[in-house]
Amino acid sequence: MTTLKNDLNLQDADGFYEQLLNSHRDLTEQESAQLNARLILVLANQVGDADKLTQCLELAARPWRVKV
């Protein structure tokens, strides 16, 4: 089984977050959900590794906790 990256691995994380928010601007709730679904599929295709995608799903399903 592959191991997920735990350290920040995103260039310009703030810039990407801003792009993500902007991509949802003026969309209905349904259109926003559809955009998210398409984005997930595009990103999953880029990852390509079934084991890694399973780990991503499991990680995303966990409640988020702030590390202190």
Protein backbone atom coordinates (compact mmCIF):
# COMPACT_ATOMS: atom_id res chain seq x y z
CA MET A 1 0.00 0.00 0.00
CA THR A 2 1.27 3.47 -0.82
CA THR A 3 1.77 6.18 1.76
CA LEU A 4 0.08 9.55 1.51
CA LYS A 5 2.11 12.73 1.80
CA ASN A 6 1.67 14.40 5.17
CA ASP A 7 3.63 17.57 4.47
CA LEU A 8 2.32 20.46 2.40
CA ASN A 9 2.98 19.55 -1.22
CA LEU A 10 1.04 22.29 -2.96
CA GLN A 11 2.77 25.21 -4.58
CA ASP A 12 0.96 28.45 -3.73
CA ALA A 13 -1.69 26.82 -1.55
CA ASP A 14 -3.34 30.19 -0.87
CA GLY A 15 -3.49 30.96 -4.58
CA PHE A 16 -5.07 27.60 -5.33
CA TYR A 17 -7.61 28.07 -2.53
CA GLU A 18 -8.54 31.46 -4.00
CA GLN A 19 -8.95 29.89 -7.47
CA LEU A 20 -11.12 27.17 -5.97
CA LEU A 21 -13.37 29.68 -4.24
CA ASN A 22 -13.56 31.83 -7.38
CA SER A 23 -14.54 28.83 -9.49
CA HIS A 24 -17.66 28.45 -7.31
CA ARG A 25 -18.64 32.12 -7.43
CA ASP A 26 -22.13 32.70 -8.83
CA LEU A 27 -22.90 28.97 -9.03
CA THR A 28 -26.03 27.41 -7.61
CA GLU A 29 -25.62 24.78 -4.90
CA GLN A 30 -26.22 22.06 -7.49
CA GLU A 31 -23.73 23.56 -9.97
CA SER A 32 -21.16 23.85 -7.17
CA ALA A 33 -21.65 20.19 -6.21
CA GLN A 34 -21.27 19.18 -9.87
CA LEU A 35 -18.07 21.22 -10.18
CA ASN A 36 -16.69 19.51 -7.07
CA ALA A 37 -17.57 16.08 -8.45
CA ARG A 38 -15.87 16.81 -11.78
CA LEU A 39 -12.80 18.21 -10.01
CA ILE A 40 -12.55 15.10 -7.84
CA LEU A 41 -12.67 12.87 -10.91
CA VAL A 42 -10.05 14.93 -12.75
CA LEU A 43 -7.72 14.88 -9.74
CA ALA A 44 -8.34 11.15 -9.15
CA ASN A 45 -7.36 10.50 -12.75
CA GLN A 46 -4.12 12.43 -12.18
CA VAL A 47 -3.33 10.33 -9.09
CA GLY A 48 -4.27 7.12 -10.88
CA ASP A 49 -3.19 4.75 -8.07
CA ALA A 50 -6.19 2.84 -6.69
CA ASP A 51 -4.56 2.18 -3.29
CA LYS A 52 -3.65 5.84 -2.89
CA LEU A 53 -7.17 6.92 -3.87
CA THR A 54 -8.62 4.54 -1.28
CA GLN A 55 -6.36 6.08 1.36
CA CYS A 56 -7.45 9.56 0.25
CA LEU A 57 -11.11 8.61 0.61
CA GLU A 58 -10.48 7.17 4.06
CA LEU A 59 -8.56 10.27 5.13
CA ALA A 60 -11.22 12.62 3.78
CA ALA A 61 -13.94 10.72 5.67
CA ARG A 62 -12.24 11.32 9.03
CA PRO A 63 -13.28 14.31 11.12
CA TRP A 64 -10.67 17.05 10.92
CA ARG A 65 -8.87 17.96 14.09
CA VAL A 66 -6.60 20.90 14.63
CA LYS A 67 -3.10 19.84 15.64
CA VAL A 68 -1.84 21.74 18.67
